[in-house]
Amino acid sequence: MSNDKRPTTLHDVAARAGVSIATVSKFINRQQRFSAGVEARVLEAVEALAYRRNPAAHSMVTGRTGTLGLAVLDIGNPHFASMVKGANRVALALGYSLMVVDLEECAGAELQQLQALASRVDGLAVSARVPGPAMQWLVQQSRPIVWFGRFEEPGCACVRTDGRVAGRLLGTHLLERGFRRVLYAGYAASRWSEDRAEGLAAVLSEAGVPLQRCESSTPSLDGGRLATDAWFQSALRPDAVVGYNDMIAIGFMRELQRRGVHVPDEVGVAGFDNVPLCGLLEPELTSVDVRGGQQGESVIRELHGLITRERVPSVVVIEPQLVERRSTARG
């Protein structure tokens, strides 16, 4: 004789709770709120009977998959890894699973990847740095989308930090530490790079300090390493270098050290993102924390609000924070 038990159904839950099947369905699927007493009885019945929602049936009834999509530019970059962890934490708490796509910086297949992802999820969280064709396609979709990073399309939702504020924080810090010849190793493919450079240049200009600039080929350790040629070829070598992100700054710093330049006595180095690796270097890297984990959490909350229609598209700005370390400690 089989010991297999029949799966618990909505009818079973409704009978135990003393409510209708429709009430149970609407409550479980977050379609309607009820009195505290009714909700308590439904929750008690769900737990006592070990009811588990059938994902396929739920999708057929509600038109929802219970899955959210997150498209990041490079999962190998610790900043985006932190964002994924924050997003996944909130998605699980809200009852969603998270599907992550790595767009792999400059891979050229972003549109196809995003189209495939969009067909499998209830909503998308996407970097505002995706190329033009992919961005245009996404804007035309009716599916809920939240962008992370500065995005100025009217009526769209985004979560970001203010790159100009971040740049000003770092510029003020460098001036206070006595640096007067600053080089910015940027990444031209990113709009965020220009924001950071503008904030940095503005605060330096107020002190009569010009900002020197060079470009990294990629926003990576290798990009930073190759960008050091600009420092060695400068007629008046900068006494501080700022990378568009921490990976560029770290690559730049390690190559300077390999070629016999002392950090920070001969040149200070700093970056943006405050990835965990910053605190493990010698010297530890000064960085502006753009709150990657918090961005990930906020993006999912905003996306859930759009899906449930509890929120309208809005712009959420998360304040950056300077984290001073020994790479800019002179004397």
C-alpha atoms as a PDB file:
ATOM      1  CA  MET A   1       0.000   0.000   0.000  1.00  0.00           C
ATOM      2  CA  SER A   2       1.389   3.404  -1.004  1.00  0.00           C
ATOM      3  CA  ASN A   3       2.149   5.996   1.652  1.00  0.00           C
ATOM      4  CA  ASP A   4       2.051   8.844  -0.890  1.00  0.00           C
ATOM      5  CA  LYS A   5      -0.189  11.645   0.258  1.00  0.00           C
ATOM      6  CA  ARG A   6      -2.351  13.724  -2.049  1.00  0.00           C
ATOM      7  CA  PRO A   7      -0.853  17.231  -2.496  1.00  0.00           C
ATOM      8  CA  THR A   8      -2.603  19.910  -0.476  1.00  0.00           C
ATOM      9  CA  THR A   9      -4.899  22.051  -2.607  1.00  0.00           C
ATOM     10  CA  LEU A  10      -6.388  25.526  -2.305  1.00  0.00           C
ATOM     11  CA  HIS A  11      -9.672  23.798  -1.421  1.00  0.00           C
ATOM     12  CA  ASP A  12      -8.008  22.157   1.589  1.00  0.00           C
ATOM     13  CA  VAL A  13      -6.548  25.456   2.782  1.00  0.00           C
ATOM     14  CA  ALA A  14      -9.869  27.254   2.303  1.00  0.00           C
ATOM     15  CA  ALA A  15     -11.785  24.567   4.211  1.00  0.00           C
ATOM     16  CA  ARG A  16      -9.419  24.683   7.187  1.00  0.00           C
ATOM     17  CA  ALA A  17      -9.373  28.498   7.276  1.00  0.00           C
ATOM     18  CA  GLY A  18     -13.136  28.769   6.872  1.00  0.00           C
ATOM     19  CA  VAL A  19     -12.940  31.061   3.848  1.00  0.00           C
ATOM     20  CA  SER A  20     -13.567  30.760   0.122  1.00  0.00           C
ATOM     21  CA  ILE A  21     -11.072  29.352  -2.364  1.00  0.00           C
ATOM     22  CA  ALA A  22     -11.065  32.766  -4.073  1.00  0.00           C
ATOM     23  CA  THR A  23      -9.989  34.437  -0.819  1.00  0.00           C
ATOM     24  CA  VAL A  24      -7.094  32.005  -0.389  1.00  0.00           C
ATOM     25  CA  SER A  25      -6.005  32.451  -4.007  1.00  0.00           C
ATOM     26  CA  LYS A  26      -6.092  36.257  -3.887  1.00  0.00           C
ATOM     27  CA  PHE A  27      -4.180  36.367  -0.603  1.00  0.00           C
ATOM     28  CA  ILE A  28      -1.463  33.903  -1.639  1.00  0.00           C
ATOM     29  CA  ASN A  29      -0.978  35.619  -4.993  1.00  0.00           C
ATOM     30  CA  ARG A  30      -0.820  39.075  -3.359  1.00  0.00           C
ATOM     31  CA  GLN A  31      -3.842  40.267  -5.346  1.00  0.00           C
ATOM     32  CA  GLN A  32      -5.852  41.521  -2.357  1.00  0.00           C
ATOM     33  CA  ARG A  33      -5.471  42.234   1.367  1.00  0.00           C
ATOM     34  CA  PHE A  34      -7.997  41.019   3.948  1.00  0.00           C
ATOM     35  CA  SER A  35      -8.674  41.587   7.631  1.00  0.00           C
ATOM     36  CA  ALA A  36      -5.953  40.593  10.081  1.00  0.00           C
ATOM     37  CA  GLY A  37      -8.094  37.711  11.328  1.00  0.00           C
ATOM     38  CA  VAL A  38      -8.719  36.249   7.872  1.00  0.00           C
ATOM     39  CA  GLU A  39      -5.061  36.531   6.889  1.00  0.00           C
ATOM     40  CA  ALA A  40      -3.971  34.894  10.127  1.00  0.00           C
ATOM     41  CA  ARG A  41      -6.331  31.939   9.543  1.00  0.00           C
ATOM     42  CA  VAL A  42      -5.117  31.495   5.962  1.00  0.00           C
ATOM     43  CA  LEU A  43      -1.469  31.608   7.018  1.00  0.00           C
ATOM     44  CA  GLU A  44      -2.131  29.081   9.791  1.00  0.00           C
ATOM     45  CA  ALA A  45      -3.816  26.722   7.311  1.00  0.00           C
ATOM     46  CA  VAL A  46      -1.003  27.106   4.759  1.00  0.00           C
ATOM     47  CA  GLU A  47       1.603  26.221   7.393  1.00  0.00           C
ATOM     48  CA  ALA A  48      -0.383  23.412   9.057  1.00  0.00           C
ATOM     49  CA  LEU A  49      -1.164  21.712   5.747  1.00  0.00           C
ATOM     50  CA  ALA A  50       2.311  22.418   4.276  1.00  0.00           C
ATOM     51  CA  TYR A  51       0.696  23.933   1.198  1.00  0.00           C
ATOM     52  CA  ARG A  52       3.095  24.645  -1.668  1.00  0.00           C
ATOM     53  CA  ARG A  53       2.048  26.747  -4.603  1.00  0.00           C
ATOM     54  CA  ASN A  54       2.383  25.085  -8.015  1.00  0.00           C
ATOM     55  CA  PRO A  55       4.568  27.492 -10.034  1.00  0.00           C
ATOM     56  CA  ALA A  56       3.208  26.378 -13.413  1.00  0.00           C
ATOM     57  CA  ALA A  57      -0.406  26.694 -12.324  1.00  0.00           C
ATOM     58  CA  HIS A  58       0.310  30.024 -10.645  1.00  0.00           C
ATOM     59  CA  SER A  59       1.819  31.346 -13.859  1.00  0.00           C
ATOM     60  CA  MET A  60      -1.164  30.213 -15.924  1.00  0.00           C
ATOM     61  CA  VAL A  61      -3.634  31.896 -13.554  1.00  0.00           C
ATOM     62  CA  THR A  62      -1.785  35.148 -12.854  1.00  0.00           C
ATOM     63  CA  GLY A  63       0.324  35.549 -15.989  1.00  0.00           C
ATOM     64  CA  ARG A  64       3.363  35.919 -13.746  1.00  0.00           C
ATOM     65  CA  THR A  65       6.451  33.733 -13.511  1.00  0.00           C
ATOM     66  CA  GLY A  66       7.554  34.607  -9.960  1.00  0.00           C
ATOM     67  CA  THR A  67      10.988  35.401 -11.411  1.00  0.00           C
ATOM     68  CA  LEU A  68      12.826  38.699 -11.785  1.00  0.00           C
ATOM     69  CA  GLY A  69      15.659  39.371 -14.229  1.00  0.00           C
ATOM     70  CA  LEU A  70      18.891  41.192 -13.389  1.00  0.00           C
ATOM     71  CA  ALA A  71      21.311  42.074 -16.189  1.00  0.00           C
ATOM     72  CA  VAL A  72      24.787  43.162 -15.042  1.00  0.00           C
ATOM     73  CA  LEU A  73      27.752  44.225 -17.133  1.00  0.00           C
ATOM     74  CA  ASP A  74      30.428  41.992 -15.655  1.00  0.00           C
ATOM     75  CA  ILE A  75      29.750  39.485 -12.896  1.00  0.00           C
ATOM     76  CA  GLY A  76      33.533  39.139 -12.494  1.00  0.00           C
ATOM     77  CA  ASN A  77      33.700  42.719 -11.196  1.00  0.00           C
ATOM     78  CA  PRO A  78      33.183  42.592  -7.399  1.00  0.00           C
ATOM     79  CA  HIS A  79      30.994  45.697  -7.575  1.00  0.00           C
ATOM     80  CA  PHE A  80      28.393  43.884  -9.674  1.00  0.00           C
ATOM     81  CA  ALA A  81      28.752  40.718  -7.587  1.00  0.00           C
ATOM     82  CA  SER A  82      27.825  42.799  -4.535  1.00  0.00           C
ATOM     83  CA  MET A  83      24.832  44.205  -6.403  1.00  0.00           C
ATOM     84  CA  VAL A  84      23.640  40.697  -7.299  1.00  0.00           C
ATOM     85  CA  LYS A  85      23.874  39.572  -3.671  1.00  0.00           C
ATOM     86  CA  GLY A  86      21.830  42.555  -2.495  1.00  0.00           C
ATOM     87  CA  ALA A  87      19.229  42.020  -5.209  1.00  0.00           C
ATOM     88  CA  ASN A  88      18.929  38.305  -4.495  1.00  0.00           C
ATOM     89  CA  ARG A  89      18.505  38.934  -0.783  1.00  0.00           C
ATOM     90  CA  VAL A  90      15.438  41.136  -1.323  1.00  0.00           C
ATOM     91  CA  ALA A  91      14.030  39.021  -4.166  1.00  0.00           C
ATOM     92  CA  LEU A  92      13.960  35.936  -1.944  1.00  0.00           C
ATOM     93  CA  ALA A  93      12.340  37.878   0.889  1.00  0.00           C
ATOM     94  CA  LEU A  94       9.599  39.021  -1.503  1.00  0.00           C
ATOM     95  CA  GLY A  95       8.987  35.496  -2.796  1.00  0.00           C
ATOM     96  CA  TYR A  96      10.750  35.767  -6.145  1.00  0.00           C
ATOM     97  CA  SER A  97      13.572  33.846  -7.722  1.00  0.00           C
ATOM     98  CA  LEU A  98      16.269  35.889  -9.469  1.00  0.00           C
ATOM     99  CA  MET A  99      17.619  35.160 -12.935  1.00  0.00           C
ATOM    100  CA  VAL A 100      20.981  36.865 -13.563  1.00  0.00           C
ATOM    101  CA  VAL A 101      22.522  37.533 -16.970  1.00  0.00           C
ATOM    102  CA  ASP A 102      26.151  38.589 -17.384  1.00  0.00           C
ATOM    103  CA  LEU A 103      26.354  40.945 -20.366  1.00  0.00           C
ATOM    104  CA  GLU A 104      30.172  40.672 -20.334  1.00  0.00           C
ATOM    105  CA  GLU A 105      31.368  44.228 -21.028  1.00  0.00           C
ATOM    106  CA  CYS A 106      31.397  45.014 -24.765  1.00  0.00           C
ATOM    107  CA  ALA A 107      30.427  41.482 -25.832  1.00  0.00           C
ATOM    108  CA  GLY A 108      28.167  42.792 -28.631  1.00  0.00           C
ATOM    109  CA  ALA A 109      25.265  40.416 -27.937  1.00  0.00           C
ATOM    110  CA  GLU A 110      23.452  42.434 -25.276  1.00  0.00           C
ATOM    111  CA  LEU A 111      20.187  42.851 -27.214  1.00  0.00           C
ATOM    112  CA  GLN A 112      19.772  39.118 -27.842  1.00  0.00           C
ATOM    113  CA  GLN A 113      20.555  38.289 -24.215  1.00  0.00           C
ATOM    114  CA  LEU A 114      18.059  40.837 -22.897  1.00  0.00           C
ATOM    115  CA  GLN A 115      15.339  39.690 -25.293  1.00  0.00           C
ATOM    116  CA  ALA A 116      15.766  36.116 -24.102  1.00  0.00           C
ATOM    117  CA  LEU A 117      15.739  37.198 -20.461  1.00  0.00           C
ATOM    118  CA  ALA A 118      12.653  39.407 -20.823  1.00  0.00           C
ATOM    119  CA  SER A 119      10.536  36.490 -22.053  1.00  0.00           C
ATOM    120  CA  ARG A 120      11.169  34.543 -18.841  1.00  0.00           C
ATOM    121  CA  VAL A 121      10.585  37.119 -16.094  1.00  0.00           C
ATOM    122  CA  ASP A 122       7.966  39.438 -14.590  1.00  0.00           C
ATOM    123  CA  GLY A 123      10.288  42.451 -14.615  1.00  0.00           C
ATOM    124  CA  LEU A 124      13.843  43.516 -15.397  1.00  0.00           C
ATOM    125  CA  ALA A 125      16.618  45.378 -13.591  1.00  0.00           C
ATOM    126  CA  VAL A 126      19.176  46.554 -16.133  1.00  0.00           C
ATOM    127  CA  SER A 127      22.337  48.651 -16.155  1.00  0.00           C
ATOM    128  CA  ALA A 128      21.882  52.091 -17.709  1.00  0.00           C
ATOM    129  CA  ARG A 129      25.173  51.457 -19.512  1.00  0.00           C
ATOM    130  CA  VAL A 130      23.755  48.956 -22.017  1.00  0.00           C
ATOM    131  CA  PRO A 131      24.410  49.918 -25.668  1.00  0.00           C
ATOM    132  CA  GLY A 132      21.953  52.068 -27.615  1.00  0.00           C
ATOM    133  CA  PRO A 133      20.065  49.348 -29.558  1.00  0.00           C
ATOM    134  CA  ALA A 134      19.428  47.308 -26.420  1.00  0.00           C
ATOM    135  CA  MET A 135      18.372  50.406 -24.498  1.00  0.00           C
ATOM    136  CA  GLN A 136      15.962  51.509 -27.227  1.00  0.00           C
ATOM    137  CA  TRP A 137      14.351  48.064 -27.345  1.00  0.00           C
ATOM    138  CA  LEU A 138      13.925  47.953 -23.577  1.00  0.00           C
ATOM    139  CA  VAL A 139      12.341  51.421 -23.399  1.00  0.00           C
ATOM    140  CA  GLN A 140       9.691  50.290 -25.884  1.00  0.00           C
ATOM    141  CA  GLN A 141       8.666  47.293 -23.779  1.00  0.00           C
ATOM    142  CA  SER A 142       5.596  47.331 -21.545  1.00  0.00           C
ATOM    143  CA  ARG A 143       7.244  45.026 -19.001  1.00  0.00           C
ATOM    144  CA  PRO A 144       8.302  46.685 -15.691  1.00  0.00           C
ATOM    145  CA  ILE A 145      11.931  47.838 -15.850  1.00  0.00           C
ATOM    146  CA  VAL A 146      14.161  49.535 -13.297  1.00  0.00           C
ATOM    147  CA  TRP A 147      17.516  50.894 -14.397  1.00  0.00           C
ATOM    148  CA  PHE A 148      20.560  51.133 -12.177  1.00  0.00           C
ATOM    149  CA  GLY A 149      22.740  54.111 -12.931  1.00  0.00           C
ATOM    150  CA  ARG A 150      21.801  57.544 -14.271  1.00  0.00           C
ATOM    151  CA  PHE A 151      18.910  57.239 -16.723  1.00  0.00           C
ATOM    152  CA  GLU A 152      17.079  60.344 -17.877  1.00  0.00           C
ATOM    153  CA  GLU A 153      14.269  58.907 -20.031  1.00  0.00           C
ATOM    154  CA  PRO A 154      10.991  60.464 -18.795  1.00  0.00           C
ATOM    155  CA  GLY A 155       8.680  58.083 -16.962  1.00  0.00           C
ATOM    156  CA  CYS A 156      11.371  55.485 -16.303  1.00  0.00           C
ATOM    157  CA  ALA A 157      12.473  54.179 -12.910  1.00  0.00           C
ATOM    158  CA  CYS A 158      16.101  54.129 -11.852  1.00  0.00           C
ATOM    159  CA  VAL A 159      18.291  53.622  -8.799  1.00  0.00           C
ATOM    160  CA  ARG A 160      21.645  55.356  -8.779  1.00  0.00           C
ATOM    161  CA  THR A 161      24.349  57.157  -6.907  1.00  0.00           C
ATOM    162  CA  ASP A 162      25.341  60.663  -7.962  1.00  0.00           C
ATOM    163  CA  GLY A 163      28.650  60.333  -9.800  1.00  0.00           C
ATOM    164  CA  ARG A 164      29.358  64.062  -9.584  1.00  0.00           C
ATOM    165  CA  VAL A 165      28.938  63.986  -5.814  1.00  0.00           C
ATOM    166  CA  ALA A 166      31.233  60.956  -5.667  1.00  0.00           C
ATOM    167  CA  GLY A 167      33.848  62.795  -7.718  1.00  0.00           C
ATOM    168  CA  ARG A 168      33.660  65.858  -5.497  1.00  0.00           C
ATOM    169  CA  LEU A 169      34.121  63.704  -2.386  1.00  0.00           C
ATOM    170  CA  LEU A 170      37.329  62.246  -3.765  1.00  0.00           C
ATOM    171  CA  GLY A 171      38.596  65.593  -5.083  1.00  0.00           C
ATOM    172  CA  THR A 172      38.076  67.249  -1.704  1.00  0.00           C
ATOM    173  CA  HIS A 173      39.919  64.407   0.007  1.00  0.00           C
ATOM    174  CA  LEU A 174      42.917  64.645  -2.349  1.00  0.00           C
ATOM    175  CA  LEU A 175      43.202  68.391  -1.857  1.00  0.00           C
ATOM    176  CA  GLU A 176      43.067  67.991   1.919  1.00  0.00           C
ATOM    177  CA  ARG A 177      45.922  65.478   1.678  1.00  0.00           C
ATOM    178  CA  GLY A 178      48.060  67.937  -0.291  1.00  0.00           C
ATOM    179  CA  PHE A 179      47.838  66.430  -3.784  1.00  0.00           C
ATOM    180  CA  ARG A 180      48.053  69.026  -6.553  1.00  0.00           C
ATOM    181  CA  ARG A 181      48.684  67.131  -9.821  1.00  0.00           C
ATOM    182  CA  VAL A 182      45.791  64.729 -10.368  1.00  0.00           C
ATOM    183  CA  LEU A 183      45.343  62.274 -13.238  1.00  0.00           C
ATOM    184  CA  TYR A 184      41.961  60.662 -13.941  1.00  0.00           C
ATOM    185  CA  ALA A 185      42.086  57.269 -15.691  1.00  0.00           C
ATOM    186  CA  GLY A 186      38.600  57.106 -17.174  1.00  0.00           C
ATOM    187  CA  TYR A 187      36.575  54.702 -19.279  1.00  0.00           C
ATOM    188  CA  ALA A 188      34.960  56.562 -22.162  1.00  0.00           C
ATOM    189  CA  ALA A 189      32.330  53.889 -22.905  1.00  0.00           C
ATOM    190  CA  SER A 190      30.623  54.629 -19.592  1.00  0.00           C
ATOM    191  CA  ARG A 191      28.464  57.697 -18.963  1.00  0.00           C
ATOM    192  CA  TRP A 192      29.210  57.213 -15.272  1.00  0.00           C
ATOM    193  CA  SER A 193      32.879  57.926 -16.003  1.00  0.00           C
ATOM    194  CA  GLU A 194      32.148  61.433 -17.232  1.00  0.00           C
ATOM    195  CA  ASP A 195      29.972  62.177 -14.186  1.00  0.00           C
ATOM    196  CA  ARG A 196      32.793  61.181 -11.848  1.00  0.00           C
ATOM    197  CA  ALA A 197      35.350  63.158 -13.848  1.00  0.00           C
ATOM    198  CA  GLU A 198      33.142  66.265 -13.844  1.00  0.00           C
ATOM    199  CA  GLY A 199      32.704  66.185 -10.074  1.00  0.00           C
ATOM    200  CA  LEU A 200      36.424  65.628  -9.547  1.00  0.00           C
ATOM    201  CA  ALA A 201      37.390  68.403 -11.988  1.00  0.00           C
ATOM    202  CA  ALA A 202      34.927  70.882 -10.459  1.00  0.00           C
ATOM    203  CA  VAL A 203      36.293  70.684  -6.934  1.00  0.00           C
ATOM    204  CA  LEU A 204      39.911  70.712  -8.134  1.00  0.00           C
ATOM    205  CA  SER A 205      39.211  73.728 -10.336  1.00  0.00           C
ATOM    206  CA  GLU A 206      37.903  75.666  -7.339  1.00  0.00           C
ATOM    207  CA  ALA A 207      41.382  75.216  -5.837  1.00  0.00           C
ATOM    208  CA  GLY A 208      43.158  76.142  -9.079  1.00  0.00           C
ATOM    209  CA  VAL A 209      44.245  72.558  -9.752  1.00  0.00           C
ATOM    210  CA  PRO A 210      43.770  71.272 -13.334  1.00  0.00           C
ATOM    211  CA  LEU A 211      42.664  67.677 -13.909  1.00  0.00           C
ATOM    212  CA  GLN A 212      44.811  65.618 -16.277  1.00  0.00           C
ATOM    213  CA  ARG A 213      43.024  62.806 -18.085  1.00  0.00           C
ATOM    214  CA  CYS A 214      43.744  59.529 -19.844  1.00  0.00           C
ATOM    215  CA  GLU A 215      41.501  56.664 -20.965  1.00  0.00           C
ATOM    216  CA  SER A 216      41.580  52.987 -20.051  1.00  0.00           C
ATOM    217  CA  SER A 217      40.802  50.481 -22.783  1.00  0.00           C
ATOM    218  CA  THR A 218      38.642  48.371 -20.448  1.00  0.00           C
ATOM    219  CA  PRO A 219      37.215  48.910 -16.924  1.00  0.00           C
ATOM    220  CA  SER A 220      39.475  46.164 -15.583  1.00  0.00           C
ATOM    221  CA  LEU A 221      42.819  45.421 -13.950  1.00  0.00           C
ATOM    222  CA  ASP A 222      44.401  45.138 -17.399  1.00  0.00           C
ATOM    223  CA  GLY A 223      42.870  48.464 -18.427  1.00  0.00           C
ATOM    224  CA  GLY A 224      44.452  50.132 -15.415  1.00  0.00           C
ATOM    225  CA  ARG A 225      47.791  48.444 -15.971  1.00  0.00           C
ATOM    226  CA  LEU A 226      48.001  49.612 -19.587  1.00  0.00           C
ATOM    227  CA  ALA A 227      46.921  53.155 -18.672  1.00  0.00           C
ATOM    228  CA  THR A 228      50.088  53.690 -16.606  1.00  0.00           C
ATOM    229  CA  ASP A 229      51.908  54.723 -19.785  1.00  0.00           C
ATOM    230  CA  ALA A 230      50.121  58.080 -19.446  1.00  0.00           C
ATOM    231  CA  TRP A 231      51.727  58.598 -16.032  1.00  0.00           C
ATOM    232  CA  PHE A 232      55.245  57.691 -17.157  1.00  0.00           C
ATOM    233  CA  GLN A 233      54.997  59.813 -20.319  1.00  0.00           C
ATOM    234  CA  SER A 234      53.717  62.923 -18.527  1.00  0.00           C
ATOM    235  CA  ALA A 235      56.178  65.824 -18.507  1.00  0.00           C
ATOM    236  CA  LEU A 236      55.066  66.730 -14.995  1.00  0.00           C
ATOM    237  CA  ARG A 237      54.148  63.426 -13.408  1.00  0.00           C
ATOM    238  CA  PRO A 238      50.882  63.480 -11.422  1.00  0.00           C
ATOM    239  CA  ASP A 239      51.148  63.029  -7.673  1.00  0.00           C
ATOM    240  CA  ALA A 240      47.692  61.373  -7.521  1.00  0.00           C
ATOM    241  CA  VAL A 241      45.815  58.973  -9.805  1.00  0.00           C
ATOM    242  CA  VAL A 242      42.068  58.327  -9.702  1.00  0.00           C
ATOM    243  CA  GLY A 243      40.610  55.333 -11.549  1.00  0.00           C
ATOM    244  CA  TYR A 244      37.097  55.341 -13.016  1.00  0.00           C
ATOM    245  CA  ASN A 245      36.524  52.273 -10.845  1.00  0.00           C
ATOM    246  CA  ASP A 246      38.511  50.281  -8.313  1.00  0.00           C
ATOM    247  CA  MET A 247      39.617  47.691 -10.850  1.00  0.00           C
ATOM    248  CA  ILE A 248      41.324  50.329 -13.002  1.00  0.00           C
ATOM    249  CA  ALA A 249      42.818  51.965  -9.907  1.00  0.00           C
ATOM    250  CA  ILE A 250      44.153  48.645  -8.611  1.00  0.00           C
ATOM    251  CA  GLY A 251      45.645  47.689 -11.980  1.00  0.00           C
ATOM    252  CA  PHE A 252      47.252  51.126 -12.220  1.00  0.00           C
ATOM    253  CA  MET A 253      48.665  50.930  -8.677  1.00  0.00           C
ATOM    254  CA  ARG A 254      50.080  47.435  -9.060  1.00  0.00           C
ATOM    255  CA  GLU A 255      51.839  48.351 -12.307  1.00  0.00           C
ATOM    256  CA  LEU A 256      53.326  51.487 -10.742  1.00  0.00           C
ATOM    257  CA  GLN A 257      54.625  49.377  -7.882  1.00  0.00           C
ATOM    258  CA  ARG A 258      56.010  46.760 -10.250  1.00  0.00           C
ATOM    259  CA  ARG A 259      57.993  49.503 -11.984  1.00  0.00           C
ATOM    260  CA  GLY A 260      59.423  50.831  -8.736  1.00  0.00           C
ATOM    261  CA  VAL A 261      57.069  53.722  -7.929  1.00  0.00           C
ATOM    262  CA  HIS A 262      56.117  53.990  -4.251  1.00  0.00           C
ATOM    263  CA  VAL A 263      52.452  54.411  -3.314  1.00  0.00           C
ATOM    264  CA  PRO A 264      51.481  56.751  -1.645  1.00  0.00           C
ATOM    265  CA  ASP A 265      54.790  58.627  -1.044  1.00  0.00           C
ATOM    266  CA  GLU A 266      55.442  59.273  -4.757  1.00  0.00           C
ATOM    267  CA  VAL A 267      51.855  59.028  -5.988  1.00  0.00           C
ATOM    268  CA  GLY A 268      48.501  58.524  -4.286  1.00  0.00           C
ATOM    269  CA  VAL A 269      45.917  56.224  -5.875  1.00  0.00           C
ATOM    270  CA  ALA A 270      42.139  56.046  -5.413  1.00  0.00           C
ATOM    271  CA  GLY A 271      39.066  54.621  -7.117  1.00  0.00           C
ATOM    272  CA  PHE A 272      35.282  54.265  -7.031  1.00  0.00           C
ATOM    273  CA  ASP A 273      33.018  51.380  -5.882  1.00  0.00           C
ATOM    274  CA  ASN A 274      34.792  50.255  -2.687  1.00  0.00           C
ATOM    275  CA  VAL A 275      34.974  46.590  -3.655  1.00  0.00           C
ATOM    276  CA  PRO A 276      36.128  44.169  -0.913  1.00  0.00           C
ATOM    277  CA  LEU A 277      39.553  43.818  -2.529  1.00  0.00           C
ATOM    278  CA  CYS A 278      40.343  47.444  -1.595  1.00  0.00           C
ATOM    279  CA  GLY A 279      40.981  46.479   2.013  1.00  0.00           C
ATOM    280  CA  LEU A 280      43.281  43.565   1.129  1.00  0.00           C
ATOM    281  CA  LEU A 281      45.895  45.460  -0.869  1.00  0.00           C
ATOM    282  CA  GLU A 282      49.241  46.905   0.189  1.00  0.00           C
ATOM    283  CA  PRO A 283      48.602  49.727   0.682  1.00  0.00           C
ATOM    284  CA  GLU A 284      44.843  49.520   1.150  1.00  0.00           C
ATOM    285  CA  LEU A 285      42.986  51.497  -1.524  1.00  0.00           C
ATOM    286  CA  THR A 286      41.030  54.690  -0.838  1.00  0.00           C
ATOM    287  CA  SER A 287      37.691  54.498  -2.633  1.00  0.00           C
ATOM    288  CA  VAL A 288      34.230  56.038  -2.837  1.00  0.00           C
ATOM    289  CA  ASP A 289      31.615  53.505  -1.784  1.00  0.00           C
ATOM    290  CA  VAL A 290      28.708  53.669  -4.244  1.00  0.00           C
ATOM    291  CA  ARG A 291      26.758  51.113  -2.177  1.00  0.00           C
ATOM    292  CA  GLY A 292      26.492  48.280  -4.702  1.00  0.00           C
ATOM    293  CA  GLY A 293      24.667  45.964  -2.307  1.00  0.00           C
ATOM    294  CA  GLN A 294      22.217  48.686  -1.310  1.00  0.00           C
ATOM    295  CA  GLN A 295      21.632  49.534  -4.974  1.00  0.00           C
ATOM    296  CA  GLY A 296      20.773  45.896  -5.658  1.00  0.00           C
ATOM    297  CA  GLU A 297      18.313  45.800  -2.760  1.00  0.00           C
ATOM    298  CA  SER A 298      16.648  49.057  -3.790  1.00  0.00           C
ATOM    299  CA  VAL A 299      16.365  48.051  -7.448  1.00  0.00           C
ATOM    300  CA  ILE A 300      14.390  44.922  -6.546  1.00  0.00           C
ATOM    301  CA  ARG A 301      12.108  46.781  -4.140  1.00  0.00           C
ATOM    302  CA  GLU A 302      11.326  49.334  -6.849  1.00  0.00           C
ATOM    303  CA  LEU A 303      10.766  46.601  -9.429  1.00  0.00           C
ATOM    304  CA  HIS A 304       8.404  44.710  -7.117  1.00  0.00           C
ATOM    305  CA  GLY A 305       6.492  47.941  -6.571  1.00  0.00           C
ATOM    306  CA  LEU A 306       6.055  48.429 -10.319  1.00  0.00           C
ATOM    307  CA  ILE A 307       4.905  44.833 -10.810  1.00  0.00           C
ATOM    308  CA  THR A 308       2.303  45.072  -8.036  1.00  0.00           C
ATOM    309  CA  ARG A 309       1.417  48.638  -9.053  1.00  0.00           C
ATOM    310  CA  GLU A 310       2.086  49.816  -5.523  1.00  0.00           C
ATOM    311  CA  ARG A 311       4.645  52.323  -6.844  1.00  0.00           C
ATOM    312  CA  VAL A 312       5.030  54.615  -9.829  1.00  0.00           C
ATOM    313  CA  PRO A 313       8.355  54.979 -11.700  1.00  0.00           C
ATOM    314  CA  SER A 314      10.719  57.184  -9.716  1.00  0.00           C
ATOM    315  CA  VAL A 315      14.381  58.042  -9.278  1.00  0.00           C
ATOM    316  CA  VAL A 316      16.075  56.734  -6.131  1.00  0.00           C
ATOM    317  CA  VAL A 317      19.427  58.360  -5.332  1.00  0.00           C
ATOM    318  CA  ILE A 318      21.754  56.591  -2.893  1.00  0.00           C
ATOM    319  CA  GLU A 319      24.408  58.782  -1.309  1.00  0.00           C
ATOM    320  CA  PRO A 320      28.042  57.735  -1.903  1.00  0.00           C
ATOM    321  CA  GLN A 321      30.531  57.634   0.966  1.00  0.00           C
ATOM    322  CA  LEU A 322      34.289  58.216   0.968  1.00  0.00           C
ATOM    323  CA  VAL A 323      36.368  55.438   2.534  1.00  0.00           C
ATOM    324  CA  GLU A 324      39.851  56.742   3.316  1.00  0.00           C
ATOM    325  CA  ARG A 325      42.723  54.262   3.307  1.00  0.00           C
ATOM    326  CA  ARG A 326      46.513  54.290   3.170  1.00  0.00           C
ATOM    327  CA  SER A 327      46.878  54.616  -0.620  1.00  0.00           C
ATOM    328  CA  THR A 328      46.304  58.376  -0.243  1.00  0.00           C
ATOM    329  CA  ALA A 329      47.920  58.856   3.181  1.00  0.00           C
ATOM    330  CA  ARG A 330      50.944  61.076   2.625  1.00  0.00           C
ATOM    331  CA  GLY A 331      53.772  61.687   5.043  1.00  0.00           C
END
